[in-house]
Amino acid sequence: MTDLNMVVALDRSESVELLDRTAQVEALAAALIDPRFMATVRGGWQGRIGIAVMTWSSFDRTQVVVPWTMITGLRDSEAIIATMRDYEARGSDFKHKPQTDIALALGAGMQLLEAAPFPASKRILNVISDGVDNFGREAFVERDQALAQGITINGLVHARGHAIEVVERFFEREVIGGPYAFVLSTPDPASFTAAMLRKMMLEIARANTSSRPDGSGSVRVAAHHRERG
């Protein structure tokens, strides 16, 4: 059993430039080996979390980059990072489509969480994107299904300029949800690492305070809120 199972869904639609794609991977890599992150993981009830990483775009194009892996220490994180960097070095070996279908990301993320090989006290789906839906189903339909399954959805927005507020509002309205749900925003690749680390530490810490391993703890539902990276 883990303290939480987490899916990280990386946007690979046409609007995400190569620099931002690299920033997504390197920000996640830096967070996974940060001593503060490792201390937060070890401080949980179980002292371990589960993580899987996927990419998404549109037209049912999704790909699991990192299959379910349990993080108990630095070696686990390093193995995940090696897998992600190899994926990027190979140019992903997968042709994504140009549109942004966040409902697709939510649906695929739910399926991945359902397929986790180990149970968890909490399940979190992280959606990382630079834009709003422009293809497919309405995102809130998939979001509501995820919430009904007890999944918390958080967001990390990496838009630019005036688009930041537009995307944030979209995420608040149609994407995030569940206990302690939040959206962080980052205006440039340089600030992406700090935002990613903060987001993951918040998620683990909140999972550890919201429930006990015997299931006796209550889960408090907080209002959705925006936090700047």
Protein backbone atom coordinates (compact mmCIF):
# COMPACT_ATOMS: atom_id res chain seq x y z
CA MET A 1 0.00 0.00 0.00
CA THR A 2 1.14 3.57 -0.66
CA ASP A 3 0.27 6.91 0.90
CA LEU A 4 -0.90 8.04 -2.52
CA ASN A 5 -0.88 7.04 -6.16
CA MET A 6 -0.16 9.90 -8.53
CA VAL A 7 -0.51 10.20 -12.30
CA VAL A 8 1.36 13.08 -13.96
CA ALA A 9 -0.19 13.93 -17.34
CA LEU A 10 2.11 16.00 -19.58
CA ASP A 11 0.66 18.12 -22.39
CA ARG A 12 2.14 17.27 -25.80
CA SER A 13 -0.25 19.24 -28.01
CA GLU A 14 1.12 21.49 -30.74
CA SER A 15 1.09 24.64 -28.61
CA VAL A 16 3.68 23.21 -26.21
CA GLU A 17 7.05 24.17 -27.63
CA LEU A 18 10.16 22.01 -27.34
CA LEU A 19 11.58 24.23 -24.61
CA ASP A 20 8.47 23.77 -22.51
CA ARG A 21 8.37 20.03 -23.13
CA THR A 22 11.92 19.76 -21.86
CA ALA A 23 11.04 22.01 -18.92
CA GLN A 24 8.17 19.71 -17.94
CA VAL A 25 10.43 16.66 -17.83
CA GLU A 26 13.34 18.38 -16.12
CA ALA A 27 11.09 20.04 -13.56
CA LEU A 28 9.60 16.69 -12.64
CA ALA A 29 13.08 15.16 -12.53
CA ALA A 30 14.38 17.87 -10.21
CA ALA A 31 11.38 17.51 -7.91
CA LEU A 32 11.74 13.74 -7.65
CA ILE A 33 15.32 13.89 -6.36
CA ASP A 34 14.98 16.98 -4.20
CA PRO A 35 15.80 16.15 -0.55
CA ARG A 36 12.65 17.96 0.59
CA PHE A 37 10.53 15.76 -1.66
CA MET A 38 12.22 12.59 -0.42
CA ALA A 39 11.75 13.68 3.21
CA THR A 40 8.06 14.31 2.58
CA VAL A 41 7.66 10.84 1.04
CA ARG A 42 9.44 9.13 3.93
CA GLY A 43 7.38 11.11 6.42
CA GLY A 44 4.10 9.56 5.25
CA TRP A 45 2.17 6.81 7.01
CA GLN A 46 3.50 4.22 4.59
CA GLY A 47 6.72 6.02 3.62
CA ARG A 48 6.15 5.41 -0.09
CA ILE A 49 4.09 6.70 -3.00
CA GLY A 50 3.16 5.32 -6.42
CA ILE A 51 3.68 7.34 -9.59
CA ALA A 52 3.03 6.94 -13.31
CA VAL A 53 3.76 9.50 -16.04
CA MET A 54 1.82 9.84 -19.29
CA THR A 55 1.62 12.23 -22.25
CA TRP A 56 -1.52 13.35 -24.05
CA SER A 57 -2.75 15.58 -26.86
CA SER A 58 -5.92 14.82 -28.87
CA PHE A 59 -7.56 12.24 -31.16
CA ASP A 60 -7.12 9.59 -28.43
CA ARG A 61 -3.35 10.05 -28.50
CA THR A 62 -1.96 9.19 -25.08
CA GLN A 63 1.17 7.33 -24.08
CA VAL A 64 2.42 5.93 -20.78
CA VAL A 65 6.01 7.16 -20.44
CA VAL A 66 6.70 5.78 -16.96
CA PRO A 67 4.65 2.75 -15.88
CA TRP A 68 3.59 2.45 -12.28
CA THR A 69 6.61 2.72 -10.00
CA MET A 70 6.74 2.80 -6.22
CA ILE A 71 9.01 5.49 -4.77
CA THR A 72 10.58 4.54 -1.46
CA GLY A 73 13.95 6.20 -1.93
CA LEU A 74 16.34 7.99 -4.24
CA ARG A 75 17.07 4.98 -6.47
CA ASP A 76 13.42 4.71 -7.43
CA SER A 77 13.32 8.39 -8.41
CA GLU A 78 16.53 8.07 -10.40
CA ALA A 79 15.09 5.13 -12.37
CA ILE A 80 12.00 7.19 -13.23
CA ILE A 81 14.15 10.11 -14.36
CA ALA A 82 16.27 7.86 -16.58
CA THR A 83 13.12 6.52 -18.25
CA MET A 84 11.73 10.01 -18.89
CA ARG A 85 14.98 11.34 -20.31
CA ASP A 86 15.35 8.35 -22.57
CA TYR A 87 11.83 8.98 -23.83
CA GLU A 88 12.67 12.61 -24.61
CA ALA A 89 16.00 11.70 -26.23
CA ARG A 90 14.22 9.32 -28.60
CA GLY A 91 11.82 12.08 -29.60
CA SER A 92 9.10 10.10 -27.80
CA ASP A 93 8.69 7.54 -30.62
CA PHE A 94 5.07 8.62 -30.71
CA LYS A 95 3.24 11.11 -32.91
CA HIS A 96 0.89 13.31 -30.95
CA LYS A 97 -1.87 15.43 -32.49
CA PRO A 98 -2.03 19.25 -32.41
CA GLN A 99 -5.24 19.94 -30.47
CA THR A 100 -5.66 20.20 -26.69
CA ASP A 101 -8.14 17.64 -25.37
CA ILE A 102 -8.07 17.89 -21.59
CA ALA A 103 -11.02 15.53 -21.28
CA LEU A 104 -8.79 12.93 -22.94
CA ALA A 105 -6.08 13.57 -20.34
CA LEU A 106 -8.59 13.16 -17.53
CA GLY A 107 -10.11 9.99 -18.95
CA ALA A 108 -6.76 8.35 -19.64
CA GLY A 109 -5.47 9.41 -16.23
CA MET A 110 -8.47 7.82 -14.52
CA GLN A 111 -7.88 4.55 -16.36
CA LEU A 112 -4.23 4.58 -15.36
CA LEU A 113 -5.12 5.15 -11.71
CA GLU A 114 -7.61 2.28 -11.84
CA ALA A 115 -4.86 0.02 -13.21
CA ALA A 116 -2.38 0.79 -10.42
CA PRO A 117 -0.85 -2.48 -9.13
CA PHE A 118 -0.89 -1.35 -5.50
CA PRO A 119 -3.67 0.21 -3.39
CA ALA A 120 -3.37 3.75 -2.06
CA SER A 121 -4.90 5.89 0.67
CA LYS A 122 -5.34 8.70 -1.87
CA ARG A 123 -5.35 9.02 -5.67
CA ILE A 124 -4.26 12.16 -7.49
CA LEU A 125 -4.30 13.11 -11.16
CA ASN A 126 -2.02 15.99 -12.13
CA VAL A 127 -2.81 17.69 -15.43
CA ILE A 128 -0.07 19.91 -16.86
CA SER A 129 -1.05 22.16 -19.77
CA ASP A 130 -0.56 25.55 -21.39
CA GLY A 131 -4.07 25.92 -22.79
CA VAL A 132 -7.79 25.30 -22.58
CA ASP A 133 -9.86 22.65 -24.31
CA ASN A 134 -10.22 23.07 -28.07
CA PHE A 135 -11.17 19.53 -29.00
CA GLY A 136 -13.22 16.59 -27.74
CA ARG A 137 -15.69 16.33 -24.86
CA GLU A 138 -16.20 18.99 -22.22
CA ALA A 139 -13.52 18.52 -19.58
CA PHE A 140 -15.93 18.81 -16.65
CA VAL A 141 -17.72 15.61 -17.73
CA GLU A 142 -14.58 13.55 -17.17
CA ARG A 143 -13.71 15.58 -14.09
CA ASP A 144 -17.03 14.76 -12.46
CA GLN A 145 -16.51 11.07 -13.19
CA ALA A 146 -13.08 11.23 -11.56
CA LEU A 147 -14.47 12.94 -8.48
CA ALA A 148 -17.14 10.25 -8.19
CA GLN A 149 -14.30 7.71 -8.03
CA GLY A 150 -12.60 9.59 -5.21
CA ILE A 151 -9.81 11.00 -7.40
CA THR A 152 -8.42 14.47 -6.71
CA ILE A 153 -7.40 16.50 -9.77
CA ASN A 154 -4.79 19.24 -9.54
CA GLY A 155 -3.41 21.47 -12.28
CA LEU A 156 -0.12 23.08 -13.26
CA VAL A 157 -0.47 25.82 -15.87
CA HIS A 158 2.52 27.05 -17.87
CA ALA A 159 0.92 29.64 -20.12
CA ARG A 160 2.33 33.07 -21.00
CA GLY A 161 1.21 36.64 -20.32
CA HIS A 162 -2.51 37.31 -20.32
CA ALA A 163 -3.21 33.68 -21.21
CA ILE A 164 -2.23 32.59 -17.68
CA GLU A 165 -5.39 33.95 -16.09
CA VAL A 166 -7.57 32.55 -18.88
CA VAL A 167 -6.17 29.05 -18.47
CA GLU A 168 -6.24 29.26 -14.67
CA ARG A 169 -9.92 30.18 -14.71
CA PHE A 170 -10.65 27.33 -17.09
CA PHE A 171 -8.87 24.87 -14.81
CA GLU A 172 -10.70 26.17 -11.75
CA ARG A 173 -14.04 25.95 -13.52
CA GLU A 174 -13.76 22.69 -15.43
CA VAL A 175 -10.67 20.66 -14.49
CA ILE A 176 -9.56 20.59 -10.86
CA GLY A 177 -11.60 19.08 -8.06
CA GLY A 178 -11.59 16.94 -4.94
CA PRO A 179 -10.17 17.38 -1.43
CA TYR A 180 -7.58 20.17 -1.29
CA ALA A 181 -7.64 20.62 -5.09
CA PHE A 182 -5.53 23.47 -6.42
CA VAL A 183 -3.98 24.94 -9.56
CA LEU A 184 -0.47 26.40 -9.71
CA SER A 185 0.76 28.59 -12.53
CA THR A 186 4.23 29.32 -13.86
CA PRO A 187 4.96 32.00 -16.48
CA ASP A 188 8.26 30.63 -17.81
CA PRO A 189 10.37 27.45 -17.93
CA ALA A 190 12.76 28.83 -15.31
CA SER A 191 10.06 28.85 -12.63
CA PHE A 192 8.61 25.48 -13.62
CA THR A 193 10.89 23.43 -11.35
CA ALA A 194 9.96 25.33 -8.19
CA ALA A 195 6.27 25.06 -9.05
CA MET A 196 6.50 21.32 -9.71
CA LEU A 197 8.33 20.66 -6.44
CA ARG A 198 5.88 22.76 -4.47
CA LYS A 199 2.91 21.04 -6.06
CA MET A 200 4.14 17.51 -5.35
CA MET A 201 5.12 18.29 -1.77
CA LEU A 202 1.71 19.86 -1.14
CA GLU A 203 -0.03 16.79 -2.51
CA ILE A 204 1.94 14.33 -0.39
CA ALA A 205 1.69 16.43 2.75
CA ARG A 206 -2.06 16.88 2.34
CA ALA A 207 -2.53 13.17 1.68
CA ASN A 208 -0.71 12.42 4.92
CA THR A 209 -2.88 14.79 6.96
CA SER A 210 -6.23 13.94 5.37
CA SER A 211 -6.49 10.24 6.25
CA ARG A 212 -5.03 7.53 8.43
CA PRO A 213 -3.89 4.14 7.09
CA ASP A 214 -6.70 2.38 8.95
CA GLY A 215 -9.27 4.55 7.17
CA SER A 216 -10.50 6.15 10.41
CA GLY A 217 -9.42 9.69 9.53
CA SER A 218 -11.88 12.05 7.93
CA VAL A 219 -11.10 13.92 4.74
CA ARG A 220 -11.85 17.62 4.83
CA VAL A 221 -12.87 19.20 1.55
CA ALA A 222 -11.34 22.62 1.00
CA ALA A 223 -12.38 25.20 -1.57
CA HIS A 224 -10.48 25.17 -4.84
CA HIS A 225 -7.83 27.84 -4.84
CA ARG A 226 -5.17 29.34 -7.05
CA GLU A 227 -1.53 29.43 -6.08
CA ARG A 228 1.15 31.20 -8.09
CA GLY A 229 4.34 29.27 -8.83
